[in-house]
Amino acid sequence: EGEIKTSIPTLKAFMGNGGSVGFQIFKGIFAPILLTRDLIKTHKVD
């Protein structure tokens, strides 16, 4: 399993800065899906 620093790595990567207005809207639509996916796949150990 991959060690990470944030519980939402996919969302953090996807929601980078920059991009057109249309792309920002597109990212906003898909953000909740990625957030849910990340939270399901992330857990803590020690």
ModelCIF file with pLDDT and N, C-alpha, C, O atoms, coordinates in Angstrom:
data_MODEL
#
_entry.id   MODEL 
#
_entity.id                         1 
_entity.type                       polymer 
_entity.pdbx_number_of_molecules   1 
#
_entity_poly.entity_id                      1 
_entity_poly.type                           'polypeptide(L)' 
_entity_poly.nstd_linkage                   no 
_entity_poly.nstd_monomer                   no 
_entity_poly.pdbx_seq_one_letter_code       EGEIKTSIPTLKAFMGNGGSVGFQIFKGIFAPILLTRDLIKTHKVD 
_entity_poly.pdbx_seq_one_letter_code_can   EGEIKTSIPTLKAFMGNGGSVGFQIFKGIFAPILLTRDLIKTHKVD 
_entity_poly.pdbx_strand_id                 A 
#
loop_
_entity_poly_seq.entity_id 
_entity_poly_seq.num 
_entity_poly_seq.mon_id 
_entity_poly_seq.hetero 
1 1  GLU n 
1 2  GLY n 
1 3  GLU n 
1 4  ILE n 
1 5  LYS n 
1 6  THR n 
1 7  SER n 
1 8  ILE n 
1 9  PRO n 
1 10 THR n 
1 11 LEU n 
1 12 LYS n 
1 13 ALA n 
1 14 PHE n 
1 15 MET n 
1 16 GLY n 
1 17 ASN n 
1 18 GLY n 
1 19 GLY n 
1 20 SER n 
1 21 VAL n 
1 22 GLY n 
1 23 PHE n 
1 24 GLN n 
1 25 ILE n 
1 26 PHE n 
1 27 LYS n 
1 28 GLY n 
1 29 ILE n 
1 30 PHE n 
1 31 ALA n 
1 32 PRO n 
1 33 ILE n 
1 34 LEU n 
1 35 LEU n 
1 36 THR n 
1 37 ARG n 
1 38 ASP n 
1 39 LEU n 
1 40 ILE n 
1 41 LYS n 
1 42 THR n 
1 43 HIS n 
1 44 LYS n 
1 45 VAL n 
1 46 ASP n 
#
_struct_asym.id          A 
_struct_asym.entity_id   1 
#
loop_
_ma_qa_metric.id 
_ma_qa_metric.mode 
_ma_qa_metric.name 
_ma_qa_metric.software_group_id 
_ma_qa_metric.type 
1 global pLDDT . pLDDT 
2 local  pLDDT . pLDDT 
#
_ma_qa_metric_global.metric_id      1 
_ma_qa_metric_global.metric_value   85.04 
_ma_qa_metric_global.model_id       1 
_ma_qa_metric_global.ordinal_id     1 
#
loop_
_ma_qa_metric_local.label_asym_id 
_ma_qa_metric_local.label_comp_id 
_ma_qa_metric_local.label_seq_id 
_ma_qa_metric_local.metric_id 
_ma_qa_metric_local.metric_value 
_ma_qa_metric_local.model_id 
_ma_qa_metric_local.ordinal_id 
A GLU 1  2 96.00 1 1  
A GLY 2  2 95.00 1 2  
A GLU 3  2 96.00 1 3  
A ILE 4  2 96.00 1 4  
A LYS 5  2 95.00 1 5  
A THR 6  2 94.00 1 6  
A SER 7  2 94.00 1 7  
A ILE 8  2 93.00 1 8  
A PRO 9  2 92.00 1 9  
A THR 10 2 91.00 1 10 
A LEU 11 2 90.00 1 11 
A LYS 12 2 90.00 1 12 
A ALA 13 2 88.00 1 13 
A PHE 14 2 85.00 1 14 
A MET 15 2 80.00 1 15 
A GLY 16 2 68.00 1 16 
A ASN 17 2 60.00 1 17 
A GLY 18 2 61.00 1 18 
A GLY 19 2 63.00 1 19 
A SER 20 2 67.00 1 20 
A VAL 21 2 67.00 1 21 
A GLY 22 2 73.00 1 22 
A PHE 23 2 68.00 1 23 
A GLN 24 2 69.00 1 24 
A ILE 25 2 76.00 1 25 
A PHE 26 2 74.00 1 26 
A LYS 27 2 75.00 1 27 
A GLY 28 2 78.00 1 28 
A ILE 29 2 83.00 1 29 
A PHE 30 2 81.00 1 30 
A ALA 31 2 87.00 1 31 
A PRO 32 2 90.00 1 32 
A ILE 33 2 90.00 1 33 
A LEU 34 2 88.00 1 34 
A LEU 35 2 91.00 1 35 
A THR 36 2 93.00 1 36 
A ARG 37 2 91.00 1 37 
A ASP 38 2 92.00 1 38 
A LEU 39 2 93.00 1 39 
A ILE 40 2 95.00 1 40 
A LYS 41 2 95.00 1 41 
A THR 42 2 95.00 1 42 
A HIS 43 2 94.00 1 43 
A LYS 44 2 94.00 1 44 
A VAL 45 2 94.00 1 45 
A ASP 46 2 92.00 1 46 
#
loop_
_atom_site.group_PDB 
_atom_site.id 
_atom_site.type_symbol 
_atom_site.label_atom_id 
_atom_site.label_alt_id 
_atom_site.label_comp_id 
_atom_site.label_asym_id 
_atom_site.label_entity_id 
_atom_site.label_seq_id 
_atom_site.pdbx_PDB_ins_code 
_atom_site.Cartn_x 
_atom_site.Cartn_y 
_atom_site.Cartn_z 
_atom_site.occupancy 
_atom_site.B_iso_or_equiv 
_atom_site.pdbx_formal_charge 
_atom_site.auth_seq_id 
_atom_site.auth_comp_id 
_atom_site.auth_asym_id 
_atom_site.auth_atom_id 
_atom_site.pdbx_PDB_model_num 
ATOM 1   N N  . GLU A 1 1  ? 0.858   -1.185 0.000   1.00 96.00 ? 1  GLU A N  1 
ATOM 2   C CA . GLU A 1 1  ? 0.000   0.000  0.000   1.00 96.00 ? 1  GLU A CA 1 
ATOM 3   C C  . GLU A 1 1  ? 0.896   1.238  0.000   1.00 96.00 ? 1  GLU A C  1 
ATOM 4   O O  . GLU A 1 1  ? 1.955   1.248  0.629   1.00 96.00 ? 1  GLU A O  1 
ATOM 5   N N  . GLY A 1 2  ? 0.461   2.284  -0.714  1.00 95.00 ? 2  GLY A N  1 
ATOM 6   C CA . GLY A 1 2  ? 1.314   3.452  -0.906  1.00 95.00 ? 2  GLY A CA 1 
ATOM 7   C C  . GLY A 1 2  ? 1.225   4.474  0.208   1.00 95.00 ? 2  GLY A C  1 
ATOM 8   O O  . GLY A 1 2  ? 0.147   4.978  0.523   1.00 95.00 ? 2  GLY A O  1 
ATOM 9   N N  . GLU A 1 3  ? 2.385   4.778  0.809   1.00 96.00 ? 3  GLU A N  1 
ATOM 10  C CA . GLU A 1 3  ? 2.413   5.818  1.845   1.00 96.00 ? 3  GLU A CA 1 
ATOM 11  C C  . GLU A 1 3  ? 2.126   7.177  1.209   1.00 96.00 ? 3  GLU A C  1 
ATOM 12  O O  . GLU A 1 3  ? 2.642   7.481  0.133   1.00 96.00 ? 3  GLU A O  1 
ATOM 13  N N  . ILE A 1 4  ? 1.302   7.998  1.873   1.00 96.00 ? 4  ILE A N  1 
ATOM 14  C CA . ILE A 1 4  ? 0.910   9.320  1.368   1.00 96.00 ? 4  ILE A CA 1 
ATOM 15  C C  . ILE A 1 4  ? 0.918   10.336 2.510   1.00 96.00 ? 4  ILE A C  1 
ATOM 16  O O  . ILE A 1 4  ? 0.949   9.961  3.683   1.00 96.00 ? 4  ILE A O  1 
ATOM 17  N N  . LYS A 1 5  ? 0.888   11.618 2.161   1.00 95.00 ? 5  LYS A N  1 
ATOM 18  C CA . LYS A 1 5  ? 0.826   12.675 3.175   1.00 95.00 ? 5  LYS A CA 1 
ATOM 19  C C  . LYS A 1 5  ? -0.571  13.280 3.286   1.00 95.00 ? 5  LYS A C  1 
ATOM 20  O O  . LYS A 1 5  ? -0.904  13.887 4.305   1.00 95.00 ? 5  LYS A O  1 
ATOM 21  N N  . THR A 1 6  ? -1.391  13.120 2.245   1.00 94.00 ? 6  THR A N  1 
ATOM 22  C CA . THR A 1 6  ? -2.740  13.678 2.237   1.00 94.00 ? 6  THR A CA 1 
ATOM 23  C C  . THR A 1 6  ? -3.750  12.561 2.034   1.00 94.00 ? 6  THR A C  1 
ATOM 24  O O  . THR A 1 6  ? -3.459  11.578 1.352   1.00 94.00 ? 6  THR A O  1 
ATOM 25  N N  . SER A 1 7  ? -4.915  12.701 2.610   1.00 94.00 ? 7  SER A N  1 
ATOM 26  C CA . SER A 1 7  ? -5.967  11.687 2.468   1.00 94.00 ? 7  SER A CA 1 
ATOM 27  C C  . SER A 1 7  ? -6.657  11.752 1.113   1.00 94.00 ? 7  SER A C  1 
ATOM 28  O O  . SER A 1 7  ? -7.438  10.867 0.766   1.00 94.00 ? 7  SER A O  1 
ATOM 29  N N  . ILE A 1 8  ? -6.369  12.797 0.349   1.00 93.00 ? 8  ILE A N  1 
ATOM 30  C CA . ILE A 1 8  ? -7.054  12.960 -0.941  1.00 93.00 ? 8  ILE A CA 1 
ATOM 31  C C  . ILE A 1 8  ? -6.034  13.215 -2.062  1.00 93.00 ? 8  ILE A C  1 
ATOM 32  O O  . ILE A 1 8  ? -6.078  14.267 -2.699  1.00 93.00 ? 8  ILE A O  1 
ATOM 33  N N  . PRO A 1 9  ? -5.120  12.270 -2.310  1.00 92.00 ? 9  PRO A N  1 
ATOM 34  C CA . PRO A 1 9  ? -4.060  12.504 -3.299  1.00 92.00 ? 9  PRO A CA 1 
ATOM 35  C C  . PRO A 1 9  ? -4.568  12.681 -4.730  1.00 92.00 ? 9  PRO A C  1 
ATOM 36  O O  . PRO A 1 9  ? -4.073  13.538 -5.462  1.00 92.00 ? 9  PRO A O  1 
ATOM 37  N N  . THR A 1 10 ? -5.548  11.877 -5.127  1.00 91.00 ? 10 THR A N  1 
ATOM 38  C CA . THR A 1 10 ? -6.074  11.986 -6.491  1.00 91.00 ? 10 THR A CA 1 
ATOM 39  C C  . THR A 1 10 ? -6.741  13.337 -6.703  1.00 91.00 ? 10 THR A C  1 
ATOM 40  O O  . THR A 1 10 ? -6.561  13.975 -7.740  1.00 91.00 ? 10 THR A O  1 
ATOM 41  N N  . LEU A 1 11 ? -7.505  13.762 -5.720  1.00 90.00 ? 11 LEU A N  1 
ATOM 42  C CA . LEU A 1 11 ? -8.179  15.069 -5.814  1.00 90.00 ? 11 LEU A CA 1 
ATOM 43  C C  . LEU A 1 11 ? -7.160  16.198 -5.829  1.00 90.00 ? 11 LEU A C  1 
ATOM 44  O O  . LEU A 1 11 ? -7.302  17.154 -6.592  1.00 90.00 ? 11 LEU A O  1 
ATOM 45  N N  . LYS A 1 12 ? -6.137  16.094 -4.992  1.00 90.00 ? 12 LYS A N  1 
ATOM 46  C CA . LYS A 1 12 ? -5.089  17.128 -4.948  1.00 90.00 ? 12 LYS A CA 1 
ATOM 47  C C  . LYS A 1 12 ? -4.370  17.249 -6.293  1.00 90.00 ? 12 LYS A C  1 
ATOM 48  O O  . LYS A 1 12 ? -4.067  18.350 -6.753  1.00 90.00 ? 12 LYS A O  1 
ATOM 49  N N  . ALA A 1 13 ? -4.104  16.106 -6.911  1.00 88.00 ? 13 ALA A N  1 
ATOM 50  C CA . ALA A 1 13 ? -3.431  16.113 -8.215  1.00 88.00 ? 13 ALA A CA 1 
ATOM 51  C C  . ALA A 1 13 ? -4.340  16.690 -9.285  1.00 88.00 ? 13 ALA A C  1 
ATOM 52  O O  . ALA A 1 13 ? -3.895  17.457 -10.139 1.00 88.00 ? 13 ALA A O  1 
ATOM 53  N N  . PHE A 1 14 ? -5.607  16.324 -9.238  1.00 85.00 ? 14 PHE A N  1 
ATOM 54  C CA . PHE A 1 14 ? -6.582  16.750 -10.256 1.00 85.00 ? 14 PHE A CA 1 
ATOM 55  C C  . PHE A 1 14 ? -6.888  18.235 -10.165 1.00 85.00 ? 14 PHE A C  1 
ATOM 56  O O  . PHE A 1 14 ? -7.041  18.909 -11.183 1.00 85.00 ? 14 PHE A O  1 
ATOM 57  N N  . MET A 1 15 ? -6.978  18.742 -8.942  1.00 80.00 ? 15 MET A N  1 
ATOM 58  C CA . MET A 1 15 ? -7.362  20.136 -8.744  1.00 80.00 ? 15 MET A CA 1 
ATOM 59  C C  . MET A 1 15 ? -6.150  21.062 -8.692  1.00 80.00 ? 15 MET A C  1 
ATOM 60  O O  . MET A 1 15 ? -6.057  21.925 -7.820  1.00 80.00 ? 15 MET A O  1 
ATOM 61  N N  . GLY A 1 16 ? -5.231  20.880 -9.622  1.00 68.00 ? 16 GLY A N  1 
ATOM 62  C CA . GLY A 1 16 ? -4.077  21.771 -9.692  1.00 68.00 ? 16 GLY A CA 1 
ATOM 63  C C  . GLY A 1 16 ? -4.483  23.148 -10.174 1.00 68.00 ? 16 GLY A C  1 
ATOM 64  O O  . GLY A 1 16 ? -5.602  23.350 -10.646 1.00 68.00 ? 16 GLY A O  1 
ATOM 65  N N  . ASN A 1 17 ? -3.566  24.095 -10.051 1.00 60.00 ? 17 ASN A N  1 
ATOM 66  C CA . ASN A 1 17 ? -3.896  25.454 -10.468 1.00 60.00 ? 17 ASN A CA 1 
ATOM 67  C C  . ASN A 1 17 ? -3.819  25.578 -11.981 1.00 60.00 ? 17 ASN A C  1 
ATOM 68  O O  . ASN A 1 17 ? -3.245  24.725 -12.658 1.00 60.00 ? 17 ASN A O  1 
ATOM 69  N N  . GLY A 1 18 ? -4.389  26.627 -12.490 1.00 61.00 ? 18 GLY A N  1 
ATOM 70  C CA . GLY A 1 18 ? -4.339  26.874 -13.934 1.00 61.00 ? 18 GLY A CA 1 
ATOM 71  C C  . GLY A 1 18 ? -5.475  26.205 -14.677 1.00 61.00 ? 18 GLY A C  1 
ATOM 72  O O  . GLY A 1 18 ? -6.292  25.493 -14.092 1.00 61.00 ? 18 GLY A O  1 
ATOM 73  N N  . GLY A 1 19 ? -5.513  26.449 -15.984 1.00 63.00 ? 19 GLY A N  1 
ATOM 74  C CA . GLY A 1 19 ? -6.550  25.871 -16.825 1.00 63.00 ? 19 GLY A CA 1 
ATOM 75  C C  . GLY A 1 19 ? -7.609  26.888 -17.190 1.00 63.00 ? 19 GLY A C  1 
ATOM 76  O O  . GLY A 1 19 ? -7.759  27.911 -16.522 1.00 63.00 ? 19 GLY A O  1 
ATOM 77  N N  . SER A 1 20 ? -8.339  26.604 -18.250 1.00 67.00 ? 20 SER A N  1 
ATOM 78  C CA . SER A 1 20 ? -9.400  27.501 -18.720 1.00 67.00 ? 20 SER A CA 1 
ATOM 79  C C  . SER A 1 20 ? -10.588 27.461 -17.769 1.00 67.00 ? 20 SER A C  1 
ATOM 80  O O  . SER A 1 20 ? -10.658 26.610 -16.883 1.00 67.00 ? 20 SER A O  1 
ATOM 81  N N  . VAL A 1 21 ? -11.513 28.384 -17.960 1.00 67.00 ? 21 VAL A N  1 
ATOM 82  C CA . VAL A 1 21 ? -12.725 28.436 -17.134 1.00 67.00 ? 21 VAL A CA 1 
ATOM 83  C C  . VAL A 1 21 ? -13.526 27.147 -17.304 1.00 67.00 ? 21 VAL A C  1 
ATOM 84  O O  . VAL A 1 21 ? -14.038 26.583 -16.337 1.00 67.00 ? 21 VAL A O  1 
ATOM 85  N N  . GLY A 1 22 ? -13.624 26.689 -18.569 1.00 73.00 ? 22 GLY A N  1 
ATOM 86  C CA . GLY A 1 22 ? -14.349 25.450 -18.846 1.00 73.00 ? 22 GLY A CA 1 
ATOM 87  C C  . GLY A 1 22 ? -13.749 24.253 -18.124 1.00 73.00 ? 22 GLY A C  1 
ATOM 88  O O  . GLY A 1 22 ? -14.461 23.393 -17.605 1.00 73.00 ? 22 GLY A O  1 
ATOM 89  N N  . PHE A 1 23 ? -12.404 24.218 -18.104 1.00 68.00 ? 23 PHE A N  1 
ATOM 90  C CA . PHE A 1 23 ? -11.729 23.103 -17.443 1.00 68.00 ? 23 PHE A CA 1 
ATOM 91  C C  . PHE A 1 23 ? -11.923 23.173 -15.934 1.00 68.00 ? 23 PHE A C  1 
ATOM 92  O O  . PHE A 1 23 ? -12.056 22.144 -15.271 1.00 68.00 ? 23 PHE A O  1 
ATOM 93  N N  . GLN A 1 24 ? -11.938 24.378 -15.398 1.00 69.00 ? 24 GLN A N  1 
ATOM 94  C CA . GLN A 1 24 ? -12.175 24.536 -13.962 1.00 69.00 ? 24 GLN A CA 1 
ATOM 95  C C  . GLN A 1 24 ? -13.572 24.047 -13.581 1.00 69.00 ? 24 GLN A C  1 
ATOM 96  O O  . GLN A 1 24 ? -13.754 23.422 -12.536 1.00 69.00 ? 24 GLN A O  1 
ATOM 97  N N  . ILE A 1 25 ? -14.564 24.335 -14.441 1.00 76.00 ? 25 ILE A N  1 
ATOM 98  C CA . ILE A 1 25 ? -15.934 23.844 -14.207 1.00 76.00 ? 25 ILE A CA 1 
ATOM 99  C C  . ILE A 1 25 ? -15.964 22.320 -14.269 1.00 76.00 ? 25 ILE A C  1 
ATOM 100 O O  . ILE A 1 25 ? -16.596 21.664 -13.441 1.00 76.00 ? 25 ILE A O  1 
ATOM 101 N N  . PHE A 1 26 ? -15.265 21.765 -15.271 1.00 74.00 ? 26 PHE A N  1 
ATOM 102 C CA . PHE A 1 26 ? -15.180 20.315 -15.440 1.00 74.00 ? 26 PHE A CA 1 
ATOM 103 C C  . PHE A 1 26 ? -14.591 19.670 -14.182 1.00 74.00 ? 26 PHE A C  1 
ATOM 104 O O  . PHE A 1 26 ? -15.085 18.646 -13.710 1.00 74.00 ? 26 PHE A O  1 
ATOM 105 N N  . LYS A 1 27 ? -13.525 20.284 -13.645 1.00 75.00 ? 27 LYS A N  1 
ATOM 106 C CA . LYS A 1 27 ? -12.895 19.750 -12.442 1.00 75.00 ? 27 LYS A CA 1 
ATOM 107 C C  . LYS A 1 27 ? -13.838 19.818 -11.249 1.00 75.00 ? 27 LYS A C  1 
ATOM 108 O O  . LYS A 1 27 ? -13.869 18.915 -10.413 1.00 75.00 ? 27 LYS A O  1 
ATOM 109 N N  . GLY A 1 28 ? -14.610 20.907 -11.182 1.00 78.00 ? 28 GLY A N  1 
ATOM 110 C CA . GLY A 1 28 ? -15.567 21.063 -10.088 1.00 78.00 ? 28 GLY A CA 1 
ATOM 111 C C  . GLY A 1 28 ? -16.640 19.992 -10.099 1.00 78.00 ? 28 GLY A C  1 
ATOM 112 O O  . GLY A 1 28 ? -17.081 19.542 -9.041  1.00 78.00 ? 28 GLY A O  1 
ATOM 113 N N  . ILE A 1 29 ? -17.064 19.579 -11.289 1.00 83.00 ? 29 ILE A N  1 
ATOM 114 C CA . ILE A 1 29 ? -18.094 18.543 -11.420 1.00 83.00 ? 29 ILE A CA 1 
ATOM 115 C C  . ILE A 1 29 ? -17.583 17.187 -10.937 1.00 83.00 ? 29 ILE A C  1 
ATOM 116 O O  . ILE A 1 29 ? -18.307 16.449 -10.268 1.00 83.00 ? 29 ILE A O  1 
ATOM 117 N N  . PHE A 1 30 ? -16.336 16.862 -11.276 1.00 81.00 ? 30 PHE A N  1 
ATOM 118 C CA . PHE A 1 30 ? -15.798 15.556 -10.947 1.00 81.00 ? 30 PHE A CA 1 
ATOM 119 C C  . PHE A 1 30 ? -15.148 15.483 -9.560  1.00 81.00 ? 30 PHE A C  1 
ATOM 120 O O  . PHE A 1 30 ? -14.855 14.392 -9.069  1.00 81.00 ? 30 PHE A O  1 
ATOM 121 N N  . ALA A 1 31 ? -14.925 16.633 -8.935  1.00 87.00 ? 31 ALA A N  1 
ATOM 122 C CA . ALA A 1 31 ? -14.254 16.658 -7.627  1.00 87.00 ? 31 ALA A CA 1 
ATOM 123 C C  . ALA A 1 31 ? -14.935 15.783 -6.575  1.00 87.00 ? 31 ALA A C  1 
ATOM 124 O O  . ALA A 1 31 ? -14.239 15.042 -5.881  1.00 87.00 ? 31 ALA A O  1 
ATOM 125 N N  . PRO A 1 32 ? -16.274 15.830 -6.422  1.00 90.00 ? 32 PRO A N  1 
ATOM 126 C CA . PRO A 1 32 ? -16.919 14.999 -5.390  1.00 90.00 ? 32 PRO A CA 1 
ATOM 127 C C  . PRO A 1 32 ? -16.695 13.498 -5.597  1.00 90.00 ? 32 PRO A C  1 
ATOM 128 O O  . PRO A 1 32 ? -16.579 12.745 -4.630  1.00 90.00 ? 32 PRO A O  1 
ATOM 129 N N  . ILE A 1 33 ? -16.636 13.066 -6.868  1.00 90.00 ? 33 ILE A N  1 
ATOM 130 C CA . ILE A 1 33 ? -16.413 11.640 -7.172  1.00 90.00 ? 33 ILE A CA 1 
ATOM 131 C C  . ILE A 1 33 ? -15.012 11.226 -6.721  1.00 90.00 ? 33 ILE A C  1 
ATOM 132 O O  . ILE A 1 33 ? -14.832 10.178 -6.100  1.00 90.00 ? 33 ILE A O  1 
ATOM 133 N N  . LEU A 1 34 ? -14.017 12.068 -7.045  1.00 88.00 ? 34 LEU A N  1 
ATOM 134 C CA . LEU A 1 34 ? -12.641 11.760 -6.670  1.00 88.00 ? 34 LEU A CA 1 
ATOM 135 C C  . LEU A 1 34 ? -12.451 11.816 -5.157  1.00 88.00 ? 34 LEU A C  1 
ATOM 136 O O  . LEU A 1 34 ? -11.707 11.018 -4.587  1.00 88.00 ? 34 LEU A O  1 
ATOM 137 N N  . LEU A 1 35 ? -13.133 12.771 -4.508  1.00 91.00 ? 35 LEU A N  1 
ATOM 138 C CA . LEU A 1 35 ? -13.050 12.896 -3.054  1.00 91.00 ? 35 LEU A CA 1 
ATOM 139 C C  . LEU A 1 35 ? -13.549 11.617 -2.388  1.00 91.00 ? 35 LEU A C  1 
ATOM 140 O O  . LEU A 1 35 ? -12.900 11.084 -1.488  1.00 91.00 ? 35 LEU A O  1 
ATOM 141 N N  . THR A 1 36 ? -14.704 11.131 -2.835  1.00 93.00 ? 36 THR A N  1 
ATOM 142 C CA . THR A 1 36 ? -15.278 9.902  -2.262  1.00 93.00 ? 36 THR A CA 1 
ATOM 143 C C  . THR A 1 36 ? -14.350 8.714  -2.486  1.00 93.00 ? 36 THR A C  1 
ATOM 144 O O  . THR A 1 36 ? -14.122 7.915  -1.578  1.00 93.00 ? 36 THR A O  1 
ATOM 145 N N  . ARG A 1 37 ? -13.820 8.603  -3.692  1.00 91.00 ? 37 ARG A N  1 
ATOM 146 C CA . ARG A 1 37 ? -12.913 7.493  -4.039  1.00 91.00 ? 37 ARG A CA 1 
ATOM 147 C C  . ARG A 1 37 ? -11.670 7.521  -3.165  1.00 91.00 ? 37 ARG A C  1 
ATOM 148 O O  . ARG A 1 37 ? -11.244 6.487  -2.650  1.00 91.00 ? 37 ARG A O  1 
ATOM 149 N N  . ASP A 1 38 ? -11.082 8.712  -2.995  1.00 92.00 ? 38 ASP A N  1 
ATOM 150 C CA . ASP A 1 38 ? -9.872  8.835  -2.174  1.00 92.00 ? 38 ASP A CA 1 
ATOM 151 C C  . ASP A 1 38 ? -10.135 8.443  -0.728  1.00 92.00 ? 38 ASP A C  1 
ATOM 152 O O  . ASP A 1 38 ? -9.337  7.728  -0.122  1.00 92.00 ? 38 ASP A O  1 
ATOM 153 N N  . LEU A 1 39 ? -11.246 8.904  -0.172  1.00 93.00 ? 39 LEU A N  1 
ATOM 154 C CA . LEU A 1 39 ? -11.539 8.629  1.238   1.00 93.00 ? 39 LEU A CA 1 
ATOM 155 C C  . LEU A 1 39 ? -11.780 7.145  1.478   1.00 93.00 ? 39 LEU A C  1 
ATOM 156 O O  . LEU A 1 39 ? -11.468 6.635  2.554   1.00 93.00 ? 39 LEU A O  1 
ATOM 157 N N  . ILE A 1 40 ? -12.334 6.445  0.486   1.00 95.00 ? 40 ILE A N  1 
ATOM 158 C CA . ILE A 1 40 ? -12.551 5.002  0.598   1.00 95.00 ? 40 ILE A CA 1 
ATOM 159 C C  . ILE A 1 40 ? -11.223 4.253  0.575   1.00 95.00 ? 40 ILE A C  1 
ATOM 160 O O  . ILE A 1 40 ? -11.047 3.271  1.297   1.00 95.00 ? 40 ILE A O  1 
ATOM 161 N N  . LYS A 1 41 ? -10.285 4.719  -0.257  1.00 95.00 ? 41 LYS A N  1 
ATOM 162 C CA . LYS A 1 41 ? -9.021  4.010  -0.454  1.00 95.00 ? 41 LYS A CA 1 
ATOM 163 C C  . LYS A 1 41 ? -7.937  4.381  0.560   1.00 95.00 ? 41 LYS A C  1 
ATOM 164 O O  . LYS A 1 41 ? -6.891  3.732  0.599   1.00 95.00 ? 41 LYS A O  1 
ATOM 165 N N  . THR A 1 42 ? -8.162  5.402  1.372   1.00 95.00 ? 42 THR A N  1 
ATOM 166 C CA . THR A 1 42 ? -7.141  5.884  2.304   1.00 95.00 ? 42 THR A CA 1 
ATOM 167 C C  . THR A 1 42 ? -7.430  5.415  3.727   1.00 95.00 ? 42 THR A C  1 
ATOM 168 O O  . THR A 1 42 ? -8.579  5.412  4.170   1.00 95.00 ? 42 THR A O  1 
ATOM 169 N N  . HIS A 1 43 ? -6.368  5.016  4.440   1.00 94.00 ? 43 HIS A N  1 
ATOM 170 C CA . HIS A 1 43 ? -6.535  4.641  5.852   1.00 94.00 ? 43 HIS A CA 1 
ATOM 171 C C  . HIS A 1 43 ? -5.222  4.919  6.589   1.00 94.00 ? 43 HIS A C  1 
ATOM 172 O O  . HIS A 1 43 ? -4.189  5.172  5.969   1.00 94.00 ? 43 HIS A O  1 
ATOM 173 N N  . LYS A 1 44 ? -5.282  4.867  7.917   1.00 94.00 ? 44 LYS A N  1 
ATOM 174 C CA . LYS A 1 44 ? -4.110  5.171  8.754   1.00 94.00 ? 44 LYS A CA 1 
ATOM 175 C C  . LYS A 1 44 ? -3.607  3.920  9.454   1.00 94.00 ? 44 LYS A C  1 
ATOM 176 O O  . LYS A 1 44 ? -4.386  3.066  9.879   1.00 94.00 ? 44 LYS A O  1 
ATOM 177 N N  . VAL A 1 45 ? -2.265  3.829  9.564   1.00 94.00 ? 45 VAL A N  1 
ATOM 178 C CA . VAL A 1 45 ? -1.620  2.761  10.331  1.00 94.00 ? 45 VAL A CA 1 
ATOM 179 C C  . VAL A 1 45 ? -0.466  3.388  11.101  1.00 94.00 ? 45 VAL A C  1 
ATOM 180 O O  . VAL A 1 45 ? 0.455   3.943  10.502  1.00 94.00 ? 45 VAL A O  1 
ATOM 181 N N  . ASP A 1 46 ? -0.514  3.300  12.424  1.00 92.00 ? 46 ASP A N  1 
ATOM 182 C CA . ASP A 1 46 ? 0.542   3.863  13.288  1.00 92.00 ? 46 ASP A CA 1 
ATOM 183 C C  . ASP A 1 46 ? 0.812   5.333  12.971  1.00 92.00 ? 46 ASP A C  1 
ATOM 184 O O  . ASP A 1 46 ? 1.667   5.954  13.603  1.00 92.00 ? 46 ASP A O  1 
#
